Amino acid sequence: MNHLKKLTAMNTLKYISILLFATLLLPLQIQAQEQIAVPLSNPGEPGLLDIGVVRGSITVNGYDGKEVLVAYSGEDDQKQEVTQKGLRRISNNGVGFEVTEDNNEVEVSGASPMQSIDFEITVPRNFGLNLSTVNGGEILVNNVNGEMEISNVNGKVTLRNVGGSALINTVNGDIKATFSKVAPNSPMAFSNLNGDIDITFPADVKINAKMKSEWGEVFTDFEMNIQRTDKKNIKSSANDGVYKVSVNNWIYGAINGGGPEYLFKSMRGDIYIRKNK
């Protein structure tokens, strides 16, 4: 009977809250990597990982298990410096964050913007991802099949052997992705300001590519039916004689007969659309 109660409690687990504080031993000491196992409400079913950090990197690996494993390591940002009055500042700023799970949606949140935390998270392969970071690291995804929305302000995004669909944006960082398969009829978008965009798709992918680089070039080894548009639309404002000029210089190309629209846009970088051989 007690065994049955334990199983029932595990199956009804909906919320996990973890707040971890590491002891400050040395200035800028890097904490040893720890790992948390998060059980899912519906093991074997698709799920979603949602994590956003201000400082730190995010690595997500897909595997054949039924739990989400959250490994992390942190760096304390507070120095034990001597003040003008001869006092040392001793802070209690260890690694702190929360993990919640509800109906196969796992959220990692609550990390202080003053902390630098690197996450390595292992998820079942059929998981969707919502990942974001601002400073201090790369976002790396391996062997995951699902809908992905990824943003990195100062750092690159790399996807390896992934499937599904992706919306990826960086400000200062390269975007590189290799898709083993794509979700049919699902659009994708890859955009940045500074950095190259280098995407590899299966040879039989059927898409309509919409491409634009302001100060870069576009390269591909796919056969494309290329169309360029250089259209100027001149419109009069409320005051006569004042005009607004907009220039559209997108490049369009159909691959294998066309399909959903895939957008590739860079301000200062080259765009590569490759065939997986």
C-alpha atoms as a PDB file:
ATOM      1  CA  MET A   1       0.000   0.000   0.000  1.00  0.00           C
ATOM      2  CA  ASN A   2       2.849   2.391   0.884  1.00  0.00           C
ATOM      3  CA  HIS A   3       4.508   1.479  -2.412  1.00  0.00           C
ATOM      4  CA  LEU A   4       1.315   2.387  -4.293  1.00  0.00           C
ATOM      5  CA  LYS A   5       1.157   5.748  -2.502  1.00  0.00           C
ATOM      6  CA  LYS A   6       4.721   6.516  -3.533  1.00  0.00           C
ATOM      7  CA  LEU A   7       3.970   5.720  -7.180  1.00  0.00           C
ATOM      8  CA  THR A   8       0.832   7.873  -7.102  1.00  0.00           C
ATOM      9  CA  ALA A   9       2.785  10.789  -5.670  1.00  0.00           C
ATOM     10  CA  MET A  10       5.388  10.506  -8.401  1.00  0.00           C
ATOM     11  CA  ASN A  11       2.767  10.399 -11.143  1.00  0.00           C
ATOM     12  CA  THR A  12       0.972  13.471  -9.813  1.00  0.00           C
ATOM     13  CA  LEU A  13       4.113  15.568  -9.457  1.00  0.00           C
ATOM     14  CA  LYS A  14       3.432  18.828 -11.267  1.00  0.00           C
ATOM     15  CA  TYR A  15       5.838  21.317  -9.738  1.00  0.00           C
ATOM     16  CA  ILE A  16       9.485  21.199  -8.845  1.00  0.00           C
ATOM     17  CA  SER A  17      11.123  24.204  -7.221  1.00  0.00           C
ATOM     18  CA  ILE A  18      14.858  24.256  -6.738  1.00  0.00           C
ATOM     19  CA  LEU A  19      16.835  27.073  -5.167  1.00  0.00           C
ATOM     20  CA  LEU A  20      20.494  26.262  -4.762  1.00  0.00           C
ATOM     21  CA  PHE A  21      23.084  28.342  -2.947  1.00  0.00           C
ATOM     22  CA  ALA A  22      26.795  27.525  -3.264  1.00  0.00           C
ATOM     23  CA  THR A  23      29.196  28.546  -0.497  1.00  0.00           C
ATOM     24  CA  LEU A  24      31.545  31.370  -1.401  1.00  0.00           C
ATOM     25  CA  LEU A  25      35.068  30.050  -0.909  1.00  0.00           C
ATOM     26  CA  LEU A  26      37.235  32.050  -3.318  1.00  0.00           C
ATOM     27  CA  PRO A  27      36.716  35.098  -5.530  1.00  0.00           C
ATOM     28  CA  LEU A  28      35.161  34.113  -8.875  1.00  0.00           C
ATOM     29  CA  GLN A  29      35.205  30.445  -7.915  1.00  0.00           C
ATOM     30  CA  ILE A  30      33.582  28.188 -10.497  1.00  0.00           C
ATOM     31  CA  GLN A  31      31.199  25.743  -8.902  1.00  0.00           C
ATOM     32  CA  ALA A  32      31.325  22.047  -9.749  1.00  0.00           C
ATOM     33  CA  GLN A  33      28.641  20.891 -12.157  1.00  0.00           C
ATOM     34  CA  GLU A  34      25.468  19.623 -10.512  1.00  0.00           C
ATOM     35  CA  GLN A  35      22.554  17.742 -12.082  1.00  0.00           C
ATOM     36  CA  ILE A  36      18.827  17.659 -11.396  1.00  0.00           C
ATOM     37  CA  ALA A  37      16.479  14.949 -12.734  1.00  0.00           C
ATOM     38  CA  VAL A  38      13.016  16.292 -13.580  1.00  0.00           C
ATOM     39  CA  PRO A  39      10.267  13.650 -14.037  1.00  0.00           C
ATOM     40  CA  LEU A  40       7.650  14.341 -16.688  1.00  0.00           C
ATOM     41  CA  SER A  41       3.903  14.178 -16.223  1.00  0.00           C
ATOM     42  CA  ASN A  42       3.490  12.209 -19.457  1.00  0.00           C
ATOM     43  CA  PRO A  43       6.700  10.267 -20.159  1.00  0.00           C
ATOM     44  CA  GLY A  44       7.165   9.413 -23.820  1.00  0.00           C
ATOM     45  CA  GLU A  45       4.943  12.258 -25.038  1.00  0.00           C
ATOM     46  CA  PRO A  46       6.217  15.456 -26.722  1.00  0.00           C
ATOM     47  CA  GLY A  47       7.173  18.287 -24.407  1.00  0.00           C
ATOM     48  CA  LEU A  48       8.667  21.763 -24.226  1.00  0.00           C
ATOM     49  CA  LEU A  49      11.779  23.200 -22.588  1.00  0.00           C
ATOM     50  CA  ASP A  50      11.694  26.936 -21.830  1.00  0.00           C
ATOM     51  CA  ILE A  51      14.847  28.595 -20.495  1.00  0.00           C
ATOM     52  CA  GLY A  52      16.201  32.127 -20.621  1.00  0.00           C
ATOM     53  CA  VAL A  53      19.374  33.443 -18.993  1.00  0.00           C
ATOM     54  CA  VAL A  54      21.055  36.836 -19.027  1.00  0.00           C
ATOM     55  CA  ARG A  55      24.613  35.607 -18.539  1.00  0.00           C
ATOM     56  CA  GLY A  56      25.754  32.146 -19.515  1.00  0.00           C
ATOM     57  CA  SER A  57      25.566  29.465 -22.166  1.00  0.00           C
ATOM     58  CA  ILE A  58      22.890  26.868 -22.945  1.00  0.00           C
ATOM     59  CA  THR A  59      23.520  23.384 -24.334  1.00  0.00           C
ATOM     60  CA  VAL A  60      20.606  21.043 -25.046  1.00  0.00           C
ATOM     61  CA  ASN A  61      21.113  17.378 -25.973  1.00  0.00           C
ATOM     62  CA  GLY A  62      18.409  14.983 -27.107  1.00  0.00           C
ATOM     63  CA  TYR A  63      18.364  11.382 -25.854  1.00  0.00           C
ATOM     64  CA  ASP A  64      16.087   8.357 -25.631  1.00  0.00           C
ATOM     65  CA  GLY A  65      15.202   8.773 -21.959  1.00  0.00           C
ATOM     66  CA  LYS A  66      11.973   9.917 -20.295  1.00  0.00           C
ATOM     67  CA  GLU A  67      13.235  12.616 -17.921  1.00  0.00           C
ATOM     68  CA  VAL A  68      14.716  16.075 -18.328  1.00  0.00           C
ATOM     69  CA  LEU A  69      18.196  16.289 -16.818  1.00  0.00           C
ATOM     70  CA  VAL A  70      19.346  19.783 -15.854  1.00  0.00           C
ATOM     71  CA  ALA A  71      23.094  20.108 -15.282  1.00  0.00           C
ATOM     72  CA  TYR A  72      24.595  23.463 -14.406  1.00  0.00           C
ATOM     73  CA  SER A  73      27.738  25.204 -13.257  1.00  0.00           C
ATOM     74  CA  GLY A  74      27.967  28.747 -11.952  1.00  0.00           C
ATOM     75  CA  GLU A  75      30.470  31.465 -11.367  1.00  0.00           C
ATOM     76  CA  ASP A  76      30.133  33.812  -8.432  1.00  0.00           C
ATOM     77  CA  ASP A  77      30.392  37.388  -9.632  1.00  0.00           C
ATOM     78  CA  GLN A  78      31.190  38.996  -6.290  1.00  0.00           C
ATOM     79  CA  LYS A  79      34.844  39.610  -5.388  1.00  0.00           C
ATOM     80  CA  GLN A  80      36.039  39.600  -1.798  1.00  0.00           C
ATOM     81  CA  GLU A  81      37.594  43.006  -2.336  1.00  0.00           C
ATOM     82  CA  VAL A  82      38.797  45.301   0.421  1.00  0.00           C
ATOM     83  CA  THR A  83      36.797  48.515   0.707  1.00  0.00           C
ATOM     84  CA  GLN A  84      38.183  51.952   1.559  1.00  0.00           C
ATOM     85  CA  LYS A  85      37.415  51.360   5.224  1.00  0.00           C
ATOM     86  CA  GLY A  86      39.354  48.104   5.311  1.00  0.00           C
ATOM     87  CA  LEU A  87      36.268  45.876   5.237  1.00  0.00           C
ATOM     88  CA  ARG A  88      35.842  42.901   2.942  1.00  0.00           C
ATOM     89  CA  ARG A  89      32.606  42.381   1.055  1.00  0.00           C
ATOM     90  CA  ILE A  90      31.405  38.799   1.598  1.00  0.00           C
ATOM     91  CA  SER A  91      28.269  38.097  -0.430  1.00  0.00           C
ATOM     92  CA  ASN A  92      25.917  35.150  -0.311  1.00  0.00           C
ATOM     93  CA  ASN A  93      25.315  35.166  -4.063  1.00  0.00           C
ATOM     94  CA  GLY A  94      25.466  31.522  -5.049  1.00  0.00           C
ATOM     95  CA  VAL A  95      23.829  29.770  -7.967  1.00  0.00           C
ATOM     96  CA  GLY A  96      20.066  30.158  -7.752  1.00  0.00           C
ATOM     97  CA  PHE A  97      17.233  29.278 -10.143  1.00  0.00           C
ATOM     98  CA  GLU A  98      13.912  27.444 -10.303  1.00  0.00           C
ATOM     99  CA  VAL A  99      12.769  24.469 -12.337  1.00  0.00           C
ATOM    100  CA  THR A 100       9.048  23.869 -12.839  1.00  0.00           C
ATOM    101  CA  GLU A 101       7.277  21.059 -14.685  1.00  0.00           C
ATOM    102  CA  ASP A 102       3.625  21.033 -15.702  1.00  0.00           C
ATOM    103  CA  ASN A 103       2.120  18.685 -18.284  1.00  0.00           C
ATOM    104  CA  ASN A 104       5.520  18.024 -19.938  1.00  0.00           C
ATOM    105  CA  GLU A 105       6.421  21.706 -20.071  1.00  0.00           C
ATOM    106  CA  VAL A 106       9.675  22.306 -18.215  1.00  0.00           C
ATOM    107  CA  GLU A 107      10.680  25.885 -17.383  1.00  0.00           C
ATOM    108  CA  VAL A 108      14.020  26.996 -15.960  1.00  0.00           C
ATOM    109  CA  SER A 109      13.792  30.529 -14.584  1.00  0.00           C
ATOM    110  CA  GLY A 110      14.672  32.860 -11.759  1.00  0.00           C
ATOM    111  CA  ALA A 111      18.429  33.133 -12.307  1.00  0.00           C
ATOM    112  CA  SER A 112      19.792  36.500 -11.199  1.00  0.00           C
ATOM    113  CA  PRO A 113      21.163  38.714 -14.012  1.00  0.00           C
ATOM    114  CA  MET A 114      24.272  39.160 -11.814  1.00  0.00           C
ATOM    115  CA  GLN A 115      25.020  35.437 -11.938  1.00  0.00           C
ATOM    116  CA  SER A 116      26.747  33.620 -14.763  1.00  0.00           C
ATOM    117  CA  ILE A 117      25.316  30.112 -15.133  1.00  0.00           C
ATOM    118  CA  ASP A 118      26.106  27.567 -17.837  1.00  0.00           C
ATOM    119  CA  PHE A 119      23.367  24.994 -18.423  1.00  0.00           C
ATOM    120  CA  GLU A 120      23.653  21.599 -20.094  1.00  0.00           C
ATOM    121  CA  ILE A 121      20.182  20.103 -20.348  1.00  0.00           C
ATOM    122  CA  THR A 122      19.266  16.664 -21.665  1.00  0.00           C
ATOM    123  CA  VAL A 123      15.741  16.224 -23.021  1.00  0.00           C
ATOM    124  CA  PRO A 124      13.793  13.485 -24.839  1.00  0.00           C
ATOM    125  CA  ARG A 125      14.340  13.839 -28.587  1.00  0.00           C
ATOM    126  CA  ASN A 126      10.739  14.851 -29.320  1.00  0.00           C
ATOM    127  CA  PHE A 127      10.939  18.105 -27.350  1.00  0.00           C
ATOM    128  CA  GLY A 128      10.238  21.649 -28.446  1.00  0.00           C
ATOM    129  CA  LEU A 129      12.685  24.339 -27.334  1.00  0.00           C
ATOM    130  CA  ASN A 130      12.346  27.985 -26.352  1.00  0.00           C
ATOM    131  CA  LEU A 131      15.887  29.181 -25.568  1.00  0.00           C
ATOM    132  CA  SER A 132      17.373  32.626 -25.038  1.00  0.00           C
ATOM    133  CA  THR A 133      20.509  34.201 -23.624  1.00  0.00           C
ATOM    134  CA  VAL A 134      21.970  37.711 -23.683  1.00  0.00           C
ATOM    135  CA  ASN A 135      25.660  37.683 -22.763  1.00  0.00           C
ATOM    136  CA  GLY A 136      28.449  35.253 -22.214  1.00  0.00           C
ATOM    137  CA  GLY A 137      27.930  32.203 -24.282  1.00  0.00           C
ATOM    138  CA  GLU A 138      26.774  30.008 -27.122  1.00  0.00           C
ATOM    139  CA  ILE A 139      23.482  28.230 -27.556  1.00  0.00           C
ATOM    140  CA  LEU A 140      24.127  24.681 -28.780  1.00  0.00           C
ATOM    141  CA  VAL A 141      21.467  22.066 -29.628  1.00  0.00           C
ATOM    142  CA  ASN A 142      22.207  18.428 -30.531  1.00  0.00           C
ATOM    143  CA  ASN A 143      19.884  15.623 -31.689  1.00  0.00           C
ATOM    144  CA  VAL A 144      16.510  17.237 -30.927  1.00  0.00           C
ATOM    145  CA  ASN A 145      13.382  16.951 -33.098  1.00  0.00           C
ATOM    146  CA  GLY A 146      10.777  19.615 -32.461  1.00  0.00           C
ATOM    147  CA  GLU A 147       9.731  23.236 -32.884  1.00  0.00           C
ATOM    148  CA  MET A 148      12.583  25.515 -31.815  1.00  0.00           C
ATOM    149  CA  GLU A 149      12.570  29.234 -31.071  1.00  0.00           C
ATOM    150  CA  ILE A 150      16.057  30.453 -30.190  1.00  0.00           C
ATOM    151  CA  SER A 151      17.509  33.907 -29.506  1.00  0.00           C
ATOM    152  CA  ASN A 152      21.050  34.962 -28.588  1.00  0.00           C
ATOM    153  CA  VAL A 153      22.054  38.618 -28.360  1.00  0.00           C
ATOM    154  CA  ASN A 154      25.842  38.361 -28.009  1.00  0.00           C
ATOM    155  CA  GLY A 155      26.838  34.876 -29.060  1.00  0.00           C
ATOM    156  CA  LYS A 156      26.360  32.245 -31.716  1.00  0.00           C
ATOM    157  CA  VAL A 157      23.681  29.595 -32.181  1.00  0.00           C
ATOM    158  CA  THR A 158      24.620  26.107 -33.392  1.00  0.00           C
ATOM    159  CA  LEU A 159      22.228  23.238 -34.189  1.00  0.00           C
ATOM    160  CA  ARG A 160      23.558  19.755 -34.989  1.00  0.00           C
ATOM    161  CA  ASN A 161      21.562  16.837 -36.363  1.00  0.00           C
ATOM    162  CA  VAL A 162      18.203  18.387 -35.549  1.00  0.00           C
ATOM    163  CA  GLY A 163      14.742  17.894 -37.019  1.00  0.00           C
ATOM    164  CA  GLY A 164      11.519  19.843 -37.064  1.00  0.00           C
ATOM    165  CA  SER A 165      11.407  23.610 -37.531  1.00  0.00           C
ATOM    166  CA  ALA A 166      13.309  26.606 -36.200  1.00  0.00           C
ATOM    167  CA  LEU A 167      13.023  30.359 -35.705  1.00  0.00           C
ATOM    168  CA  ILE A 168      16.522  31.634 -34.857  1.00  0.00           C
ATOM    169  CA  ASN A 169      17.746  35.158 -34.246  1.00  0.00           C
ATOM    170  CA  THR A 170      21.048  36.621 -33.098  1.00  0.00           C
ATOM    171  CA  VAL A 171      22.307  40.189 -32.921  1.00  0.00           C
ATOM    172  CA  ASN A 172      26.062  39.588 -32.773  1.00  0.00           C
ATOM    173  CA  GLY A 173      26.735  35.967 -33.607  1.00  0.00           C
ATOM    174  CA  ASP A 174      26.846  33.348 -36.339  1.00  0.00           C
ATOM    175  CA  ILE A 175      23.955  30.962 -36.942  1.00  0.00           C
ATOM    176  CA  LYS A 176      24.901  27.459 -38.048  1.00  0.00           C
ATOM    177  CA  ALA A 177      22.461  24.553 -38.298  1.00  0.00           C
ATOM    178  CA  THR A 178      22.355  21.069 -39.798  1.00  0.00           C
ATOM    179  CA  PHE A 179      18.904  19.533 -40.245  1.00  0.00           C
ATOM    180  CA  SER A 180      18.582  15.768 -40.672  1.00  0.00           C
ATOM    181  CA  LYS A 181      14.892  16.278 -41.480  1.00  0.00           C
ATOM    182  CA  VAL A 182      12.402  19.129 -41.528  1.00  0.00           C
ATOM    183  CA  ALA A 183       8.773  19.441 -40.517  1.00  0.00           C
ATOM    184  CA  PRO A 184       6.574  19.485 -43.632  1.00  0.00           C
ATOM    185  CA  ASN A 185       4.572  22.659 -44.297  1.00  0.00           C
ATOM    186  CA  SER A 186       6.295  24.541 -41.457  1.00  0.00           C
ATOM    187  CA  PRO A 187       8.015  27.869 -42.228  1.00  0.00           C
ATOM    188  CA  MET A 188      11.416  28.743 -40.773  1.00  0.00           C
ATOM    189  CA  ALA A 189      13.378  31.957 -40.228  1.00  0.00           C
ATOM    190  CA  PHE A 190      17.073  32.670 -39.626  1.00  0.00           C
ATOM    191  CA  SER A 191      18.133  36.283 -39.047  1.00  0.00           C
ATOM    192  CA  ASN A 192      20.932  38.346 -37.512  1.00  0.00           C
ATOM    193  CA  LEU A 193      22.696  41.703 -37.695  1.00  0.00           C
ATOM    194  CA  ASN A 194      26.373  40.716 -37.455  1.00  0.00           C
ATOM    195  CA  GLY A 195      27.442  37.224 -38.426  1.00  0.00           C
ATOM    196  CA  ASP A 196      27.114  34.532 -41.058  1.00  0.00           C
ATOM    197  CA  ILE A 197      24.091  32.287 -41.519  1.00  0.00           C
ATOM    198  CA  ASP A 198      25.071  28.753 -42.569  1.00  0.00           C
ATOM    199  CA  ILE A 199      22.219  26.232 -42.844  1.00  0.00           C
ATOM    200  CA  THR A 200      22.312  22.655 -44.190  1.00  0.00           C
ATOM    201  CA  PHE A 201      19.104  20.858 -45.235  1.00  0.00           C
ATOM    202  CA  PRO A 202      18.272  17.379 -46.564  1.00  0.00           C
ATOM    203  CA  ALA A 203      18.784  17.130 -50.319  1.00  0.00           C
ATOM    204  CA  ASP A 204      15.057  16.517 -50.924  1.00  0.00           C
ATOM    205  CA  VAL A 205      13.796  19.531 -48.947  1.00  0.00           C
ATOM    206  CA  LYS A 206      10.973  21.434 -50.689  1.00  0.00           C
ATOM    207  CA  ILE A 207      10.933  25.123 -49.786  1.00  0.00           C
ATOM    208  CA  ASN A 208      10.604  28.652 -51.077  1.00  0.00           C
ATOM    209  CA  ALA A 209      13.683  30.545 -49.889  1.00  0.00           C
ATOM    210  CA  LYS A 210      13.485  34.288 -49.204  1.00  0.00           C
ATOM    211  CA  MET A 211      17.022  35.670 -48.857  1.00  0.00           C
ATOM    212  CA  LYS A 212      18.598  39.039 -48.155  1.00  0.00           C
ATOM    213  CA  SER A 213      22.016  40.303 -46.971  1.00  0.00           C
ATOM    214  CA  GLU A 214      22.678  44.030 -46.902  1.00  0.00           C
ATOM    215  CA  TRP A 215      26.496  43.833 -46.885  1.00  0.00           C
ATOM    216  CA  GLY A 216      27.126  40.198 -47.664  1.00  0.00           C
ATOM    217  CA  GLU A 217      26.630  37.493 -50.282  1.00  0.00           C
ATOM    218  CA  VAL A 218      24.256  34.547 -50.667  1.00  0.00           C
ATOM    219  CA  PHE A 219      25.627  31.114 -51.620  1.00  0.00           C
ATOM    220  CA  THR A 220      23.957  27.744 -52.268  1.00  0.00           C
ATOM    221  CA  ASP A 221      24.630  24.370 -53.902  1.00  0.00           C
ATOM    222  CA  PHE A 222      20.896  23.699 -54.378  1.00  0.00           C
ATOM    223  CA  GLU A 223      19.324  24.126 -57.795  1.00  0.00           C
ATOM    224  CA  MET A 224      17.088  27.177 -57.438  1.00  0.00           C
ATOM    225  CA  ASN A 225      14.714  29.025 -59.683  1.00  0.00           C
ATOM    226  CA  ILE A 226      16.051  32.454 -58.726  1.00  0.00           C
ATOM    227  CA  GLN A 227      14.041  35.653 -58.831  1.00  0.00           C
ATOM    228  CA  ARG A 228      15.359  39.049 -57.751  1.00  0.00           C
ATOM    229  CA  THR A 229      13.169  41.988 -56.871  1.00  0.00           C
ATOM    230  CA  ASP A 230      14.440  45.546 -56.877  1.00  0.00           C
ATOM    231  CA  LYS A 231      11.215  47.453 -56.559  1.00  0.00           C
ATOM    232  CA  LYS A 232      10.922  51.075 -55.512  1.00  0.00           C
ATOM    233  CA  ASN A 233       7.623  52.167 -54.038  1.00  0.00           C
ATOM    234  CA  ILE A 234       7.241  55.933 -53.859  1.00  0.00           C
ATOM    235  CA  LYS A 235       4.419  57.194 -51.695  1.00  0.00           C
ATOM    236  CA  SER A 236       3.331  60.745 -50.943  1.00  0.00           C
ATOM    237  CA  SER A 237       2.993  61.773 -47.331  1.00  0.00           C
ATOM    238  CA  ALA A 238       0.356  64.131 -45.932  1.00  0.00           C
ATOM    239  CA  ASN A 239       2.308  67.160 -47.176  1.00  0.00           C
ATOM    240  CA  ASP A 240       2.604  67.484 -50.944  1.00  0.00           C
ATOM    241  CA  GLY A 241       6.131  67.178 -52.255  1.00  0.00           C
ATOM    242  CA  VAL A 242       7.410  64.985 -49.417  1.00  0.00           C
ATOM    243  CA  TYR A 243       8.062  61.409 -50.424  1.00  0.00           C
ATOM    244  CA  LYS A 244       9.046  58.199 -48.706  1.00  0.00           C
ATOM    245  CA  VAL A 245      11.115  55.758 -50.774  1.00  0.00           C
ATOM    246  CA  SER A 246      11.330  52.069 -49.798  1.00  0.00           C
ATOM    247  CA  VAL A 247      13.562  49.599 -51.616  1.00  0.00           C
ATOM    248  CA  ASN A 248      12.906  45.859 -51.616  1.00  0.00           C
ATOM    249  CA  ASN A 249      15.904  43.801 -52.720  1.00  0.00           C
ATOM    250  CA  TRP A 250      14.978  40.293 -51.597  1.00  0.00           C
ATOM    251  CA  ILE A 251      16.092  37.222 -53.533  1.00  0.00           C
ATOM    252  CA  TYR A 252      13.554  34.415 -53.972  1.00  0.00           C
ATOM    253  CA  GLY A 253      14.357  30.838 -54.916  1.00  0.00           C
ATOM    254  CA  ALA A 254      12.289  27.641 -55.126  1.00  0.00           C
ATOM    255  CA  ILE A 255      14.018  24.392 -54.156  1.00  0.00           C
ATOM    256  CA  ASN A 256      12.661  21.056 -55.419  1.00  0.00           C
ATOM    257  CA  GLY A 257       9.483  22.687 -56.655  1.00  0.00           C
ATOM    258  CA  GLY A 258       8.918  24.914 -53.646  1.00  0.00           C
ATOM    259  CA  GLY A 259       7.068  24.625 -50.351  1.00  0.00           C
ATOM    260  CA  PRO A 260       6.792  26.616 -47.109  1.00  0.00           C
ATOM    261  CA  GLU A 261       8.723  29.880 -46.925  1.00  0.00           C
ATOM    262  CA  TYR A 262      12.158  29.855 -45.277  1.00  0.00           C
ATOM    263  CA  LEU A 263      13.534  33.324 -44.533  1.00  0.00           C
ATOM    264  CA  PHE A 264      17.277  34.085 -44.402  1.00  0.00           C
ATOM    265  CA  LYS A 265      18.254  37.648 -43.496  1.00  0.00           C
ATOM    266  CA  SER A 266      21.585  39.159 -42.410  1.00  0.00           C
ATOM    267  CA  MET A 267      22.722  42.757 -42.146  1.00  0.00           C
ATOM    268  CA  ARG A 268      26.504  42.217 -42.138  1.00  0.00           C
ATOM    269  CA  GLY A 269      27.193  38.609 -42.992  1.00  0.00           C
ATOM    270  CA  ASP A 270      27.129  35.969 -45.694  1.00  0.00           C
ATOM    271  CA  ILE A 271      24.316  33.449 -46.118  1.00  0.00           C
ATOM    272  CA  TYR A 272      25.019  29.800 -47.001  1.00  0.00           C
ATOM    273  CA  ILE A 273      22.225  27.359 -47.868  1.00  0.00           C
ATOM    274  CA  ARG A 274      23.744  23.911 -48.234  1.00  0.00           C
ATOM    275  CA  LYS A 275      22.622  20.465 -49.358  1.00  0.00           C
ATOM    276  CA  ASN A 276      23.218  17.616 -46.920  1.00  0.00           C
ATOM    277  CA  LYS A 277      25.212  15.105 -48.970  1.00  0.00           C
END
